[in-house]
């Protein structure tokens, strides 16, 4: 029997609800926060003399690496099908990747999107999410796939904002089910809002938040 994608996004915004949902996935807010804090510390080594895209690329890349370092000892695994870096659950039933998000990221009442349009490989993973949600009970035809393909992919979205004393990092772990007309992921089946993190004295970079330069269209400088 087919199941339609829910029209209303399920949002876990309260602390206990969010933590319980993360625990069901085998994750924790504390574990994710440790990875994000480590990534921010490395991003903060950048200066205005670095290439404008470097802080964002470092943060994205280190977030991926530190999540893997955090969870692989717990039975998770890593794979990069079509150059999309994944952290795969011990069950093999879903994966997690990371992406910079829009200014709405981390706010339960707002609707976020990825900060940049995504390429074919990431869009295909979102389409897989959509198909699995639509036809959750249908049996797929067996076919040869790379490790990590054909399973739901959650996105760890993050965005930086300025504060009086430094920067604030907002993040959420969300399951997308569609992309918009401009190629950004902007429709979500489920969202888990994470506590924000304040970094006092850290540098706020206005531009150059990237996603590693992989599967991301190049934007013309104005």
C-alpha atoms as a PDB file:
ATOM      1  CA  UNK A   1       0.000   0.000   0.000  1.00  0.00           C
ATOM      2  CA  UNK A   2       1.305   3.472  -0.861  1.00  0.00           C
ATOM      3  CA  UNK A   3       1.767   6.160   1.742  1.00  0.00           C
ATOM      4  CA  UNK A   4       1.667   9.802   0.747  1.00  0.00           C
ATOM      5  CA  UNK A   5       4.219  12.310   1.986  1.00  0.00           C
ATOM      6  CA  UNK A   6       2.775  14.261   4.906  1.00  0.00           C
ATOM      7  CA  UNK A   7       1.811  17.792   3.931  1.00  0.00           C
ATOM      8  CA  UNK A   8       2.847  19.138   7.334  1.00  0.00           C
ATOM      9  CA  UNK A   9       6.461  18.986   8.432  1.00  0.00           C
ATOM     10  CA  UNK A  10       7.022  17.251  11.755  1.00  0.00           C
ATOM     11  CA  UNK A  11       9.153  19.581  13.897  1.00  0.00           C
ATOM     12  CA  UNK A  12      10.826  18.467  17.130  1.00  0.00           C
ATOM     13  CA  UNK A  13      11.555  21.814  18.726  1.00  0.00           C
ATOM     14  CA  UNK A  14      11.380  21.206  22.445  1.00  0.00           C
ATOM     15  CA  UNK A  15      14.519  20.015  24.190  1.00  0.00           C
ATOM     16  CA  UNK A  16      13.195  16.665  25.420  1.00  0.00           C
ATOM     17  CA  UNK A  17      11.342  15.868  22.212  1.00  0.00           C
ATOM     18  CA  UNK A  18      14.375  16.684  20.084  1.00  0.00           C
ATOM     19  CA  UNK A  19      16.713  14.657  22.284  1.00  0.00           C
ATOM     20  CA  UNK A  20      14.366  11.668  22.266  1.00  0.00           C
ATOM     21  CA  UNK A  21      14.079  11.736  18.485  1.00  0.00           C
ATOM     22  CA  UNK A  22      17.856  11.980  18.122  1.00  0.00           C
ATOM     23  CA  UNK A  23      18.223   9.022  20.483  1.00  0.00           C
ATOM     24  CA  UNK A  24      15.886   6.982  18.267  1.00  0.00           C
ATOM     25  CA  UNK A  25      18.331   7.654  15.418  1.00  0.00           C
ATOM     26  CA  UNK A  26      21.310   6.690  17.565  1.00  0.00           C
ATOM     27  CA  UNK A  27      22.539  10.284  17.800  1.00  0.00           C
ATOM     28  CA  UNK A  28      22.694  12.924  20.526  1.00  0.00           C
ATOM     29  CA  UNK A  29      22.655  16.711  20.694  1.00  0.00           C
ATOM     30  CA  UNK A  30      25.838  16.586  22.769  1.00  0.00           C
ATOM     31  CA  UNK A  31      27.651  14.433  20.217  1.00  0.00           C
ATOM     32  CA  UNK A  32      26.669  16.684  17.333  1.00  0.00           C
ATOM     33  CA  UNK A  33      27.588  19.768  19.349  1.00  0.00           C
ATOM     34  CA  UNK A  34      31.071  18.395  20.022  1.00  0.00           C
ATOM     35  CA  UNK A  35      31.631  17.933  16.292  1.00  0.00           C
ATOM     36  CA  UNK A  36      30.351  21.438  15.513  1.00  0.00           C
ATOM     37  CA  UNK A  37      32.482  23.032  18.220  1.00  0.00           C
ATOM     38  CA  UNK A  38      35.608  21.342  16.891  1.00  0.00           C
ATOM     39  CA  UNK A  39      34.772  22.435  13.357  1.00  0.00           C
ATOM     40  CA  UNK A  40      34.241  26.027  14.519  1.00  0.00           C
ATOM     41  CA  UNK A  41      37.591  26.048  16.319  1.00  0.00           C
ATOM     42  CA  UNK A  42      39.360  25.133  13.073  1.00  0.00           C
ATOM     43  CA  UNK A  43      37.311  27.612  11.055  1.00  0.00           C
ATOM     44  CA  UNK A  44      38.389  30.330  13.463  1.00  0.00           C
ATOM     45  CA  UNK A  45      42.027  29.943  12.385  1.00  0.00           C
ATOM     46  CA  UNK A  46      41.093  31.652   9.104  1.00  0.00           C
ATOM     47  CA  UNK A  47      41.785  35.363   8.617  1.00  0.00           C
ATOM     48  CA  UNK A  48      40.531  37.955   6.100  1.00  0.00           C
ATOM     49  CA  UNK A  49      43.655  37.176   4.058  1.00  0.00           C
ATOM     50  CA  UNK A  50      42.443  33.656   3.298  1.00  0.00           C
ATOM     51  CA  UNK A  51      40.354  32.937   0.177  1.00  0.00           C
ATOM     52  CA  UNK A  52      36.779  33.994   0.839  1.00  0.00           C
ATOM     53  CA  UNK A  53      35.448  30.437   0.511  1.00  0.00           C
ATOM     54  CA  UNK A  54      37.975  28.854   2.881  1.00  0.00           C
ATOM     55  CA  UNK A  55      36.197  29.373   6.243  1.00  0.00           C
ATOM     56  CA  UNK A  56      33.011  27.780   4.948  1.00  0.00           C
ATOM     57  CA  UNK A  57      34.838  24.931   3.261  1.00  0.00           C
ATOM     58  CA  UNK A  58      36.858  24.204   6.389  1.00  0.00           C
ATOM     59  CA  UNK A  59      33.783  24.240   8.606  1.00  0.00           C
ATOM     60  CA  UNK A  60      31.866  21.934   6.275  1.00  0.00           C
ATOM     61  CA  UNK A  61      34.734  19.513   5.796  1.00  0.00           C
ATOM     62  CA  UNK A  62      35.633  19.359   9.470  1.00  0.00           C
ATOM     63  CA  UNK A  63      31.994  18.883  10.453  1.00  0.00           C
ATOM     64  CA  UNK A  64      31.864  15.823   8.207  1.00  0.00           C
ATOM     65  CA  UNK A  65      35.156  14.499   9.571  1.00  0.00           C
ATOM     66  CA  UNK A  66      34.391  15.112  13.244  1.00  0.00           C
ATOM     67  CA  UNK A  67      30.934  13.545  12.995  1.00  0.00           C
ATOM     68  CA  UNK A  68      32.592  10.465  11.539  1.00  0.00           C
ATOM     69  CA  UNK A  69      35.233  10.440  14.266  1.00  0.00           C
ATOM     70  CA  UNK A  70      32.498  10.787  16.884  1.00  0.00           C
ATOM     71  CA  UNK A  71      30.240   7.990  15.643  1.00  0.00           C
ATOM     72  CA  UNK A  72      32.322   5.426  13.762  1.00  0.00           C
ATOM     73  CA  UNK A  73      33.599   3.956  17.080  1.00  0.00           C
ATOM     74  CA  UNK A  74      29.906   3.426  17.928  1.00  0.00           C
ATOM     75  CA  UNK A  75      29.320   1.227  14.896  1.00  0.00           C
ATOM     76  CA  UNK A  76      28.555   3.832  12.258  1.00  0.00           C
ATOM     77  CA  UNK A  77      30.431   3.845   8.935  1.00  0.00           C
ATOM     78  CA  UNK A  78      31.391   6.317   6.223  1.00  0.00           C
ATOM     79  CA  UNK A  79      30.960   6.343   2.459  1.00  0.00           C
ATOM     80  CA  UNK A  80      31.023   8.937  -0.324  1.00  0.00           C
ATOM     81  CA  UNK A  81      28.838   7.739  -3.199  1.00  0.00           C
ATOM     82  CA  UNK A  82      29.048  10.194  -6.110  1.00  0.00           C
ATOM     83  CA  UNK A  83      31.284  12.373  -3.872  1.00  0.00           C
ATOM     84  CA  UNK A  84      28.512  13.002  -1.331  1.00  0.00           C
ATOM     85  CA  UNK A  85      30.101  12.397   2.104  1.00  0.00           C
ATOM     86  CA  UNK A  86      27.882  10.270   4.324  1.00  0.00           C
ATOM     87  CA  UNK A  87      27.818   8.980   7.868  1.00  0.00           C
ATOM     88  CA  UNK A  88      25.853   5.725   7.696  1.00  0.00           C
ATOM     89  CA  UNK A  89      23.881   4.327  10.640  1.00  0.00           C
ATOM     90  CA  UNK A  90      24.924   0.932  12.033  1.00  0.00           C
ATOM     91  CA  UNK A  91      21.681  -0.545  10.693  1.00  0.00           C
ATOM     92  CA  UNK A  92      22.495   0.732   7.200  1.00  0.00           C
ATOM     93  CA  UNK A  93      18.966   2.100   7.004  1.00  0.00           C
ATOM     94  CA  UNK A  94      19.784   5.816   6.741  1.00  0.00           C
ATOM     95  CA  UNK A  95      22.665   8.255   6.365  1.00  0.00           C
ATOM     96  CA  UNK A  96      23.618  11.746   7.525  1.00  0.00           C
ATOM     97  CA  UNK A  97      25.420  14.452   5.568  1.00  0.00           C
ATOM     98  CA  UNK A  98      26.096  18.154   6.260  1.00  0.00           C
ATOM     99  CA  UNK A  99      25.271  21.405   4.489  1.00  0.00           C
ATOM    100  CA  UNK A 100      25.247  25.120   5.178  1.00  0.00           C
ATOM    101  CA  UNK A 101      21.712  26.433   5.509  1.00  0.00           C
ATOM    102  CA  UNK A 102      19.764  29.644   5.022  1.00  0.00           C
ATOM    103  CA  UNK A 103      19.196  32.208   7.792  1.00  0.00           C
ATOM    104  CA  UNK A 104      16.018  30.354   8.790  1.00  0.00           C
ATOM    105  CA  UNK A 105      18.023  27.285   9.824  1.00  0.00           C
ATOM    106  CA  UNK A 106      17.558  26.308  13.462  1.00  0.00           C
ATOM    107  CA  UNK A 107      14.285  28.204  13.962  1.00  0.00           C
ATOM    108  CA  UNK A 108      11.304  25.916  14.459  1.00  0.00           C
ATOM    109  CA  UNK A 109       8.737  28.465  13.243  1.00  0.00           C
ATOM    110  CA  UNK A 110      10.592  29.234   9.990  1.00  0.00           C
ATOM    111  CA  UNK A 111      11.179  27.253   6.825  1.00  0.00           C
ATOM    112  CA  UNK A 112      14.875  26.801   6.010  1.00  0.00           C
ATOM    113  CA  UNK A 113      16.621  25.817   2.817  1.00  0.00           C
ATOM    114  CA  UNK A 114      20.166  24.912   1.948  1.00  0.00           C
ATOM    115  CA  UNK A 115      22.220  28.055   1.484  1.00  0.00           C
ATOM    116  CA  UNK A 116      23.300  27.109  -2.029  1.00  0.00           C
ATOM    117  CA  UNK A 117      21.699  25.173  -4.893  1.00  0.00           C
ATOM    118  CA  UNK A 118      22.679  21.525  -4.980  1.00  0.00           C
ATOM    119  CA  UNK A 119      23.974  19.469  -7.857  1.00  0.00           C
ATOM    120  CA  UNK A 120      22.656  16.270  -9.370  1.00  0.00           C
ATOM    121  CA  UNK A 121      24.082  13.813  -6.846  1.00  0.00           C
ATOM    122  CA  UNK A 122      22.580  15.557  -3.803  1.00  0.00           C
ATOM    123  CA  UNK A 123      19.281  16.210  -5.606  1.00  0.00           C
ATOM    124  CA  UNK A 124      19.077  12.496  -6.393  1.00  0.00           C
ATOM    125  CA  UNK A 125      19.396  11.657  -2.713  1.00  0.00           C
ATOM    126  CA  UNK A 126      16.503  14.013  -1.919  1.00  0.00           C
ATOM    127  CA  UNK A 127      14.465  12.356  -4.665  1.00  0.00           C
ATOM    128  CA  UNK A 128      15.247   8.981  -3.071  1.00  0.00           C
ATOM    129  CA  UNK A 129      13.926  10.331   0.236  1.00  0.00           C
ATOM    130  CA  UNK A 130      10.728  11.389  -1.504  1.00  0.00           C
ATOM    131  CA  UNK A 131      10.226   8.043  -3.196  1.00  0.00           C
ATOM    132  CA  UNK A 132      10.843   6.122   0.023  1.00  0.00           C
ATOM    133  CA  UNK A 133       8.293   8.290   1.840  1.00  0.00           C
ATOM    134  CA  UNK A 134       5.731   7.898  -0.940  1.00  0.00           C
ATOM    135  CA  UNK A 135       6.184   4.173  -1.384  1.00  0.00           C
ATOM    136  CA  UNK A 136       7.475   3.035   1.993  1.00  0.00           C
ATOM    137  CA  UNK A 137       5.736  -0.339   1.730  1.00  0.00           C
ATOM    138  CA  UNK A 138       6.561  -1.000  -1.918  1.00  0.00           C
ATOM    139  CA  UNK A 139       9.305  -3.487  -2.689  1.00  0.00           C
ATOM    140  CA  UNK A 140      12.077  -2.031  -4.802  1.00  0.00           C
ATOM    141  CA  UNK A 141      13.680  -4.072  -7.570  1.00  0.00           C
ATOM    142  CA  UNK A 142      17.138  -5.217  -6.504  1.00  0.00           C
ATOM    143  CA  UNK A 143      19.901  -3.357  -8.304  1.00  0.00           C
ATOM    144  CA  UNK A 144      23.589  -2.746  -7.907  1.00  0.00           C
ATOM    145  CA  UNK A 145      24.285   0.396  -5.893  1.00  0.00           C
ATOM    146  CA  UNK A 146      27.183   2.103  -4.219  1.00  0.00           C
ATOM    147  CA  UNK A 147      27.378   1.828  -0.450  1.00  0.00           C
ATOM    148  CA  UNK A 148      25.039   4.426   1.032  1.00  0.00           C
ATOM    149  CA  UNK A 149      22.766   4.720  -2.000  1.00  0.00           C
ATOM    150  CA  UNK A 150      19.049   3.937  -1.926  1.00  0.00           C
ATOM    151  CA  UNK A 151      18.557   4.911   1.735  1.00  0.00           C
ATOM    152  CA  UNK A 152      17.101   8.046   3.392  1.00  0.00           C
ATOM    153  CA  UNK A 153      19.557  10.899   3.897  1.00  0.00           C
ATOM    154  CA  UNK A 154      19.269  13.353   6.764  1.00  0.00           C
ATOM    155  CA  UNK A 155      20.962  16.754   6.464  1.00  0.00           C
ATOM    156  CA  UNK A 156      22.755  18.487   9.316  1.00  0.00           C
ATOM    157  CA  UNK A 157      22.007  22.104   8.400  1.00  0.00           C
ATOM    158  CA  UNK A 158      23.902  24.951  10.050  1.00  0.00           C
ATOM    159  CA  UNK A 159      24.177  28.720   9.773  1.00  0.00           C
ATOM    160  CA  UNK A 160      26.267  31.386  11.513  1.00  0.00           C
ATOM    161  CA  UNK A 161      24.985  34.740  12.731  1.00  0.00           C
ATOM    162  CA  UNK A 162      26.694  37.666  14.431  1.00  0.00           C
ATOM    163  CA  UNK A 163      26.211  38.549  18.087  1.00  0.00           C
ATOM    164  CA  UNK A 164      27.606  41.420  20.131  1.00  0.00           C
ATOM    165  CA  UNK A 165      30.377  39.229  21.537  1.00  0.00           C
ATOM    166  CA  UNK A 166      31.116  36.858  18.673  1.00  0.00           C
ATOM    167  CA  UNK A 167      28.990  34.479  16.632  1.00  0.00           C
ATOM    168  CA  UNK A 168      26.088  32.110  17.179  1.00  0.00           C
ATOM    169  CA  UNK A 169      25.703  28.803  15.394  1.00  0.00           C
ATOM    170  CA  UNK A 170      22.211  27.495  14.672  1.00  0.00           C
ATOM    171  CA  UNK A 171      21.747  23.917  13.507  1.00  0.00           C
ATOM    172  CA  UNK A 172      19.137  21.258  12.874  1.00  0.00           C
ATOM    173  CA  UNK A 173      19.048  17.677  11.664  1.00  0.00           C
ATOM    174  CA  UNK A 174      16.376  17.442   8.994  1.00  0.00           C
ATOM    175  CA  UNK A 175      15.002  14.980   6.470  1.00  0.00           C
ATOM    176  CA  UNK A 176      14.236  16.629   3.099  1.00  0.00           C
ATOM    177  CA  UNK A 177      11.714  15.381   0.594  1.00  0.00           C
ATOM    178  CA  UNK A 178      11.939  17.893  -2.251  1.00  0.00           C
ATOM    179  CA  UNK A 179      13.997  20.634  -3.870  1.00  0.00           C
ATOM    180  CA  UNK A 180      12.801  24.009  -5.075  1.00  0.00           C
ATOM    181  CA  UNK A 181      12.842  25.424  -8.590  1.00  0.00           C
ATOM    182  CA  UNK A 182      16.241  27.058  -7.980  1.00  0.00           C
ATOM    183  CA  UNK A 183      17.922  23.851  -6.892  1.00  0.00           C
ATOM    184  CA  UNK A 184      17.994  24.517  -3.159  1.00  0.00           C
ATOM    185  CA  UNK A 185      16.581  21.909  -0.794  1.00  0.00           C
ATOM    186  CA  UNK A 186      13.607  23.638   0.802  1.00  0.00           C
ATOM    187  CA  UNK A 187      10.943  21.060   1.673  1.00  0.00           C
ATOM    188  CA  UNK A 188      11.230  18.902   4.781  1.00  0.00           C
ATOM    189  CA  UNK A 189       9.448  15.820   6.045  1.00  0.00           C
ATOM    190  CA  UNK A 190      10.919  16.066   9.540  1.00  0.00           C
ATOM    191  CA  UNK A 191      13.109  18.556  11.418  1.00  0.00           C
ATOM    192  CA  UNK A 192      14.987  18.190  14.706  1.00  0.00           C
ATOM    193  CA  UNK A 193      16.014  21.591  16.070  1.00  0.00           C
ATOM    194  CA  UNK A 194      19.321  21.601  17.947  1.00  0.00           C
ATOM    195  CA  UNK A 195      20.335  24.033  20.718  1.00  0.00           C
ATOM    196  CA  UNK A 196      22.248  27.014  19.381  1.00  0.00           C
ATOM    197  CA  UNK A 197      25.907  27.439  20.299  1.00  0.00           C
ATOM    198  CA  UNK A 198      27.499  30.783  21.209  1.00  0.00           C
ATOM    199  CA  UNK A 199      31.184  31.385  20.437  1.00  0.00           C
ATOM    200  CA  UNK A 200      32.363  34.485  22.263  1.00  0.00           C
ATOM    201  CA  UNK A 201      35.350  36.231  20.721  1.00  0.00           C
ATOM    202  CA  UNK A 202      35.221  34.140  17.545  1.00  0.00           C
ATOM    203  CA  UNK A 203      35.383  35.839  14.151  1.00  0.00           C
ATOM    204  CA  UNK A 204      32.228  36.309  12.104  1.00  0.00           C
ATOM    205  CA  UNK A 205      32.784  35.859   8.361  1.00  0.00           C
ATOM    206  CA  UNK A 206      30.129  37.507   6.219  1.00  0.00           C
ATOM    207  CA  UNK A 207      30.749  35.581   3.016  1.00  0.00           C
ATOM    208  CA  UNK A 208      32.164  32.382   1.685  1.00  0.00           C
ATOM    209  CA  UNK A 209      30.161  29.783   3.580  1.00  0.00           C
ATOM    210  CA  UNK A 210      30.612  26.781   1.355  1.00  0.00           C
ATOM    211  CA  UNK A 211      30.025  23.061   1.232  1.00  0.00           C
ATOM    212  CA  UNK A 212      33.438  21.827   0.256  1.00  0.00           C
ATOM    213  CA  UNK A 213      33.209  22.783  -3.391  1.00  0.00           C
ATOM    214  CA  UNK A 214      31.680  19.394  -4.266  1.00  0.00           C
ATOM    215  CA  UNK A 215      28.410  19.240  -6.176  1.00  0.00           C
ATOM    216  CA  UNK A 216      27.912  22.997  -5.667  1.00  0.00           C
ATOM    217  CA  UNK A 217      27.412  25.356  -8.626  1.00  0.00           C
ATOM    218  CA  UNK A 218      29.942  28.183  -8.869  1.00  0.00           C
ATOM    219  CA  UNK A 219      28.345  31.567  -8.227  1.00  0.00           C
ATOM    220  CA  UNK A 220      29.487  34.638 -10.119  1.00  0.00           C
ATOM    221  CA  UNK A 221      31.058  37.336  -7.995  1.00  0.00           C
ATOM    222  CA  UNK A 222      29.212  40.658  -8.080  1.00  0.00           C
END
